[in-house]
Protein backbone atom coordinates (compact mmCIF):
# COMPACT_ATOMS: atom_id res chain seq x y z
CA MET A 1 3.17 25.45 5.47
CA ALA A 2 0.99 24.72 2.41
CA MET A 3 -2.77 25.04 2.08
CA THR A 4 -3.09 21.04 2.07
CA ASP A 5 -1.07 20.81 5.42
CA ILE A 6 -3.35 23.31 6.75
CA GLY A 7 -6.10 21.12 5.93
CA ALA A 8 -4.49 17.95 7.16
CA ALA A 9 -4.06 19.59 10.47
CA LEU A 10 -7.54 20.87 11.02
CA LEU A 11 -8.58 17.11 10.35
CA ARG A 12 -6.81 15.50 12.86
CA THR A 13 -9.21 17.86 15.03
CA LEU A 14 -11.81 15.44 14.07
CA ASP A 15 -13.35 12.27 14.75
CA PRO A 16 -10.71 10.18 12.75
CA GLU A 17 -13.49 8.37 10.14
CA THR A 18 -15.39 11.68 9.77
CA ALA A 19 -11.70 13.46 8.72
CA HIS A 20 -11.20 10.29 6.55
CA ARG A 21 -14.42 10.74 4.83
CA LEU A 22 -13.68 14.69 4.39
CA ALA A 23 -10.24 14.14 3.35
CA ILE A 24 -11.58 12.03 0.44
CA ARG A 25 -14.13 14.76 -0.59
CA ALA A 26 -11.79 17.71 -0.43
CA LEU A 27 -9.55 15.59 -2.87
CA LYS A 28 -12.81 14.93 -5.52
CA VAL A 29 -13.10 18.67 -5.60
CA ALA A 30 -10.22 20.92 -4.71
CA PRO A 31 -8.68 22.48 -7.97
CA LEU A 32 -5.02 21.18 -6.87
CA PRO A 33 -2.32 22.35 -9.41
CA ARG A 34 -0.19 19.67 -11.28
CA PRO A 35 3.06 18.40 -9.26
CA ARG A 36 6.17 19.73 -10.46
CA ALA A 37 8.25 17.15 -12.59
CA ASP A 38 10.26 15.06 -10.53
CA ASP A 39 14.00 15.21 -10.63
CA PRO A 40 14.97 12.82 -12.79
CA VAL A 41 17.44 11.06 -10.37
CA LEU A 42 14.35 9.49 -8.24
CA ALA A 43 13.31 7.84 -11.48
CA THR A 44 12.99 4.02 -11.35
CA THR A 45 11.00 0.87 -12.50
CA LEU A 46 8.80 -1.22 -10.77
CA ALA A 47 7.65 -4.70 -12.23
CA GLY A 48 8.17 -3.00 -15.84
CA LEU A 49 6.40 0.38 -14.84
CA ARG A 50 8.12 2.95 -15.07
CA LEU A 51 7.89 5.18 -12.07
CA SER A 52 8.70 9.18 -12.19
CA ASN A 53 9.82 8.67 -8.47
CA PRO A 54 9.30 5.40 -6.00
CA VAL A 55 6.81 7.10 -3.69
CA GLY A 56 3.62 5.62 -3.56
CA LEU A 57 0.51 5.72 -2.10
CA ALA A 58 -0.67 2.69 0.11
CA ALA A 59 -3.96 1.00 -0.18
CA GLY A 60 -6.67 2.05 2.24
CA LEU A 61 -7.08 5.65 1.81
CA ASP A 62 -9.14 5.85 -1.34
CA LYS A 63 -11.01 2.16 -0.95
CA ASN A 64 -13.64 3.05 -3.71
CA GLY A 65 -11.20 4.94 -6.15
CA GLU A 66 -13.09 8.18 -5.91
CA ALA A 67 -10.09 10.70 -5.63
CA LEU A 68 -8.27 9.51 -7.82
CA ARG A 69 -7.36 12.67 -9.99
CA GLY A 70 -6.44 14.77 -6.25
CA LEU A 71 -4.29 11.88 -5.29
CA ALA A 72 -2.73 11.86 -8.41
CA ARG A 73 -1.65 15.70 -8.21
CA LEU A 74 0.40 15.33 -4.39
CA GLY A 75 3.20 14.12 -6.18
CA PHE A 76 3.05 10.23 -5.86
CA GLY A 77 4.97 7.82 -8.27
CA PHE A 78 2.16 5.48 -8.19
CA VAL A 79 -1.26 5.41 -6.34
CA GLU A 80 -2.99 2.39 -4.90
CA CYS A 81 -6.68 2.57 -4.40
CA GLY A 82 -8.92 0.11 -2.39
CA SER A 83 -9.13 -2.76 -1.08
CA VAL A 84 -12.35 -3.40 -3.25
CA THR A 85 -14.37 -6.60 -2.86
CA PRO A 86 -16.49 -8.19 -5.32
CA ARG A 87 -20.16 -7.37 -3.40
CA PRO A 88 -20.68 -3.83 -1.53
CA GLN A 89 -20.02 -4.53 2.09
CA PRO A 90 -20.33 -1.72 4.98
CA GLY A 91 -17.13 -3.29 7.12
CA ASN A 92 -17.38 -3.58 10.76
CA PRO A 93 -19.35 -1.53 13.42
CA LYS A 94 -17.72 2.06 14.26
CA PRO A 95 -15.95 3.07 15.81
CA ARG A 96 -13.35 1.25 14.10
CA LEU A 97 -10.58 3.80 13.16
CA PHE A 98 -7.98 5.01 16.37
CA ARG A 99 -5.38 7.55 16.06
CA LEU A 100 -3.11 7.30 18.36
CA SER A 101 -1.30 10.56 18.25
CA GLU A 102 1.37 9.98 20.81
CA ASP A 103 2.59 6.98 19.15
CA ARG A 104 2.27 8.34 15.50
CA ALA A 105 0.18 5.33 14.75
CA VAL A 106 -3.36 4.32 13.83
CA ILE A 107 -5.13 1.38 14.68
CA ASN A 108 -8.06 0.00 12.12
CA ARG A 109 -10.44 -2.44 11.95
CA MET A 110 -12.28 -0.98 9.08
CA GLY A 111 -13.28 -4.43 7.39
CA PHE A 112 -13.31 -3.89 3.99
CA ASN A 113 -15.61 -1.21 3.92
CA ASN A 114 -16.16 -0.45 -0.10
CA ALA A 115 -19.16 0.09 -2.43
CA GLY A 116 -18.08 -2.96 -4.36
CA LEU A 117 -16.47 -3.94 -7.65
CA GLU A 118 -18.83 -2.57 -10.20
CA ALA A 119 -18.68 1.06 -8.84
CA PHE A 120 -14.82 0.80 -8.32
CA ALA A 121 -14.60 -0.70 -12.12
CA ARG A 122 -16.66 2.12 -13.32
CA ARG A 123 -14.65 4.87 -11.59
CA LEU A 124 -11.45 3.33 -12.76
CA ALA A 125 -12.50 3.42 -16.46
CA HIS A 126 -11.92 7.39 -15.90
CA ARG A 127 -9.30 7.29 -13.84
CA PRO A 128 -6.41 10.10 -14.42
CA ALA A 129 -3.88 10.14 -17.53
CA GLY A 130 -0.78 9.66 -16.91
CA ALA A 131 -0.83 8.30 -13.43
CA VAL A 132 0.14 4.88 -12.51
CA ILE A 133 -3.05 3.88 -10.45
CA GLY A 134 -3.25 0.20 -8.88
CA ALA A 135 -6.05 -1.66 -7.65
CA ASN A 136 -6.02 -3.67 -4.17
CA LEU A 137 -8.37 -6.74 -4.15
CA GLY A 138 -10.11 -7.96 -1.19
CA ALA A 139 -12.69 -10.77 -0.46
CA ASN A 140 -16.24 -10.34 1.01
CA LYS A 141 -16.67 -11.39 4.80
CA GLU A 142 -19.10 -13.98 4.13
CA THR A 143 -17.07 -15.61 1.15
CA GLU A 144 -16.26 -19.40 1.89
CA ASP A 145 -14.55 -19.54 -1.04
CA LYS A 146 -12.09 -16.65 -0.57
CA ALA A 147 -9.72 -17.07 -4.07
CA ALA A 148 -12.53 -17.04 -5.84
CA ASP A 149 -13.59 -13.23 -4.84
CA TYR A 150 -9.88 -12.40 -6.09
CA VAL A 151 -10.44 -14.19 -9.33
CA ALA A 152 -13.17 -12.10 -9.98
CA GLY A 153 -11.45 -8.95 -8.99
CA LEU A 154 -9.00 -9.41 -11.27
CA LYS A 155 -11.10 -10.80 -14.10
CA ARG A 156 -13.48 -7.28 -13.77
CA LEU A 157 -10.32 -4.72 -13.91
CA ARG A 158 -8.89 -6.11 -16.54
CA GLY A 159 -7.31 -3.18 -18.25
CA LEU A 160 -8.59 -0.81 -15.93
CA ALA A 161 -5.57 -0.45 -13.55
CA ASP A 162 -1.78 -0.54 -14.02
CA TYR A 163 -1.15 -2.99 -11.63
CA VAL A 164 -3.31 -5.39 -9.46
CA THR A 165 -2.54 -5.98 -5.86
CA VAL A 166 -3.83 -9.47 -3.88
CA ASN A 167 -4.49 -8.28 -0.50
CA VAL A 168 -3.99 -11.51 1.87
CA SER A 169 -3.10 -9.31 4.95
CA SER A 170 -5.74 -7.21 6.18
CA PRO A 171 -6.34 -8.80 10.00
CA ASN A 172 -9.76 -7.61 9.96
CA THR A 173 -11.48 -9.99 7.53
CA PRO A 174 -11.80 -13.58 9.25
CA GLY A 175 -10.02 -16.21 7.53
CA LEU A 176 -8.08 -13.68 5.27
CA ARG A 177 -4.71 -14.30 6.43
CA ASP A 178 -4.71 -18.19 6.46
CA LEU A 179 -4.31 -17.71 2.47
CA GLN A 180 -0.84 -17.03 3.67
CA GLY A 181 0.07 -20.69 4.02
CA ARG A 182 1.70 -22.57 1.48
CA ALA A 183 -0.82 -25.02 0.14
CA ALA A 184 -3.77 -22.04 0.34
CA MET A 185 -1.02 -19.62 -1.42
CA ASP A 186 -0.62 -22.20 -4.26
CA ASP A 187 -4.21 -22.67 -4.78
CA LEU A 188 -5.00 -19.12 -4.70
CA LEU A 189 -1.84 -18.19 -7.18
CA GLY A 190 -2.88 -20.59 -9.41
CA ARG A 191 -6.12 -19.94 -9.73
CA LEU A 192 -4.89 -16.40 -10.24
CA ALA A 193 -2.44 -16.98 -12.96
CA GLU A 194 -4.96 -19.18 -14.86
CA ALA A 195 -7.44 -16.09 -15.04
CA ARG A 196 -4.57 -13.96 -15.95
CA ALA A 197 -3.94 -16.05 -18.73
CA ASP A 198 -2.43 -13.39 -21.51
CA ASP A 199 -3.13 -9.86 -19.78
CA PRO A 200 -0.17 -8.63 -19.31
CA THR A 201 -1.21 -6.44 -16.35
CA PRO A 202 1.29 -7.12 -13.19
CA VAL A 203 -0.15 -8.62 -10.24
CA PHE A 204 1.20 -7.87 -6.82
CA LEU A 205 0.94 -9.44 -3.43
CA LYS A 206 0.51 -8.10 -0.12
CA ILE A 207 1.77 -10.02 2.99
CA ALA A 208 1.68 -9.50 6.94
CA PRO A 209 4.51 -8.42 8.66
CA ASP A 210 3.47 -10.92 11.49
CA LEU A 211 4.75 -13.79 9.51
CA THR A 212 8.29 -15.42 10.22
CA GLY A 213 11.60 -15.49 8.30
CA ALA A 214 10.96 -18.92 7.24
CA GLU A 215 6.97 -18.22 5.95
CA ILE A 216 7.81 -15.39 3.96
CA GLY A 217 10.52 -17.36 2.34
CA LEU A 218 7.77 -19.80 1.43
CA ILE A 219 5.49 -17.04 0.15
CA VAL A 220 8.35 -15.76 -2.23
CA GLU A 221 8.79 -19.37 -3.54
CA ALA A 222 5.17 -19.78 -3.99
CA ALA A 223 4.85 -16.43 -5.68
CA LEU A 224 7.51 -17.35 -8.06
CA ASP A 225 6.28 -20.15 -8.82
CA HIS A 226 2.86 -18.62 -9.77
CA ARG A 227 4.11 -15.87 -11.62
CA ILE A 228 3.75 -13.30 -9.26
CA ASP A 229 5.46 -9.71 -10.47
CA ALA A 230 6.13 -8.22 -6.89
CA LEU A 231 5.79 -8.38 -3.14
CA ILE A 232 4.27 -5.99 -0.90
CA VAL A 233 5.93 -5.69 2.36
CA SER A 234 3.93 -5.57 4.68
CA ASN A 235 0.18 -4.81 5.70
CA THR A 236 -0.79 -3.37 9.89
CA THR A 237 0.22 -5.65 12.40
CA LEU A 238 -1.69 -7.31 15.47
CA ASP A 239 1.42 -6.98 17.33
CA ARG A 240 0.97 -4.16 20.28
CA PRO A 241 4.66 -2.99 20.92
CA GLU A 242 5.16 -1.93 24.98
CA THR A 243 6.85 1.54 23.94
CA LEU A 244 2.58 2.05 23.13
CA ARG A 245 1.60 5.37 25.16
CA SER A 246 -1.75 6.21 23.32
CA PRO A 247 -5.34 5.23 25.57
CA GLU A 248 -6.56 3.52 22.40
CA ARG A 249 -3.35 1.31 22.22
CA THR A 250 -5.55 -1.94 23.47
CA GLU A 251 -8.18 -1.35 20.61
CA ALA A 252 -8.17 -4.17 18.16
CA GLY A 253 -7.52 -4.17 14.54
CA GLY A 254 -4.19 -3.32 12.59
CA LEU A 255 -1.48 -0.97 13.69
CA SER A 256 0.54 0.72 11.20
CA GLY A 257 2.29 4.15 11.38
CA ALA A 258 5.95 4.56 13.15
CA PRO A 259 5.74 1.42 15.98
CA LEU A 260 5.92 -0.65 12.89
CA LYS A 261 8.79 0.01 11.30
CA ALA A 262 11.02 -2.63 13.09
CA ARG A 263 8.48 -5.47 11.94
CA ALA A 264 8.12 -4.02 8.56
CA ARG A 265 12.08 -3.80 8.62
CA ALA A 266 12.33 -6.98 9.40
CA ALA A 267 9.85 -8.55 7.01
CA LEU A 268 11.67 -6.63 4.27
CA ARG A 269 14.68 -8.10 5.20
CA ALA A 270 13.45 -11.58 5.18
CA ALA A 271 12.01 -11.14 1.78
CA ALA A 272 14.70 -9.54 0.27
CA GLU A 273 16.84 -12.42 1.28
CA ALA A 274 14.89 -15.16 0.01
CA SER A 275 14.06 -13.70 -3.18
CA GLU A 276 17.71 -12.73 -4.19
CA GLY A 277 16.29 -9.90 -6.38
CA ARG A 278 14.06 -12.34 -8.54
CA MET A 279 10.95 -10.32 -7.67
CA PRO A 280 10.44 -6.32 -6.94
CA LEU A 281 9.55 -5.41 -3.49
CA ILE A 282 7.75 -2.54 -2.59
CA ALA A 283 8.39 -1.68 1.46
CA VAL A 284 5.42 -0.20 3.64
CA GLY A 285 5.07 0.06 7.11
CA GLY A 286 6.33 2.87 8.91
CA ILE A 287 7.73 5.61 6.53
CA ASP A 288 7.56 9.14 7.12
CA SER A 289 11.11 10.59 5.95
CA GLY A 290 13.24 10.54 3.56
CA ALA A 291 15.88 8.65 5.56
CA GLU A 292 13.32 5.93 6.26
CA ALA A 293 12.53 5.70 2.67
CA TRP A 294 16.27 5.75 1.95
CA ASP A 295 16.78 2.68 4.33
CA ARG A 296 14.28 1.02 2.68
CA ILE A 297 15.72 1.09 -0.61
CA ARG A 298 18.97 0.45 -0.01
CA ALA A 299 17.81 -3.03 1.67
CA GLY A 300 16.15 -3.84 -1.35
CA ALA A 301 12.89 -2.25 -1.82
CA SER A 302 12.15 -0.91 -5.33
CA ALA A 303 9.74 1.63 -3.76
CA VAL A 304 8.00 2.50 -0.90
CA GLN A 305 4.34 3.19 -0.15
CA ILE A 306 2.98 5.83 3.04
CA TYR A 307 -0.34 6.17 4.44
CA SER A 308 -0.30 7.25 8.31
CA ALA A 309 2.45 9.95 7.27
CA LEU A 310 -0.13 11.56 5.71
CA VAL A 311 -2.39 11.38 8.75
CA PHE A 312 0.30 13.50 11.03
CA ASP A 313 2.09 15.32 8.59
CA GLY A 314 0.09 16.15 5.56
CA PRO A 315 0.00 15.76 2.15
CA GLY A 316 3.28 18.06 1.93
CA VAL A 317 5.53 14.82 3.46
CA VAL A 318 5.59 13.57 0.06
CA GLY A 319 7.75 16.55 -1.30
CA ARG A 320 9.93 16.35 1.60
CA ILE A 321 10.76 12.72 1.39
CA LYS A 322 11.34 13.25 -2.59
CA ARG A 323 13.69 16.03 -2.00
CA ASP A 324 15.71 14.05 1.13
CA LEU A 325 15.84 10.95 -1.45
CA ALA A 326 16.99 13.26 -4.29
CA ALA A 327 19.72 14.72 -2.54
CA ARG A 328 21.05 11.44 -0.69
CA LEU A 329 21.11 9.56 -4.42
CA LYS A 330 23.30 12.38 -6.15
CA ALA A 331 25.28 12.68 -2.76
CA GLU A 332 26.00 8.77 -3.32
CA GLY A 333 26.74 8.96 -6.80
CA PHE A 334 23.74 7.08 -8.04
CA SER A 335 21.85 8.60 -11.42
CA THR A 336 18.33 6.91 -10.67
CA ALA A 337 16.66 5.17 -7.73
CA ALA A 338 16.71 2.19 -9.50
CA GLU A 339 20.61 1.72 -9.30
CA ALA A 340 20.39 2.04 -5.46
CA VAL A 341 18.08 -0.90 -4.88
CA GLY A 342 19.77 -3.35 -2.44
CA THR A 343 23.04 -1.65 -2.31
CA ALA A 344 23.11 -2.19 1.78
CA ARG A 345 22.96 -5.74 1.27
């Protein structure tokens, strides 16, 4: 077992939020070696970004962009930090993070706790060279005009990230998911398009898994109309499957990890059917193996992101997923991961 995985196992003995804080601190200071060069068969592109592999880190782990150098050395093809809001905010009262070990799941109601846009921008200005870094934008809890917060984030981070994600799907900020309705979506995306002007930085949109296929179809059309470059499918769910066994299963918040697989797969299928190849898709939710990543790619995802798998399997899961993907790609005769996208449809 790698030292990083031993460390992850030790962190699982601690309170989840304490473990999270210590993990970020360790990633900031640990002298991690540079990862091995990726197998060329894993190469892909995402909204014009060239990735050495399609396995990314989902937002939520490094909310303030503090540990980008360490995260970039874990072997990810791209790393997304945030969510960041214009003004610092403490988030929801503790406890607000729950590890459902029996279910390989996590429930969080963090509430966009972060140090604010200015601190975030200063760190991104010194991000590691050679790594593809994305920035995930949120809105402050007390902001009435939440679209204005996204516009402020987009403008402030211009030139500092390889892509920016507009997160309208967190269940832990009141009113945020209302932005996924067509009228509100058109207003938000129209204002973002105006704010982008001639900025070539790709803008992604992250949606919830709790939408119907028809709702996802409307979002896809709105995203295409307003020049959104990719869709991230999907965030945490408010659903509580009957299969959950952990005592913490009744806690409020967004559920992620293995129990999210079915909903995330269905949302991806709906997005793939609606987009018909017109927009890249990034799959998130319950991805913890090469087999699961392979299935999402063949279902239409250009790339995948993981988070909860790190909690239960440690950083070594990144390399294991990549090795499995490379073997599957070669066995099927593909020369790059990009060639496999959507081949199951």
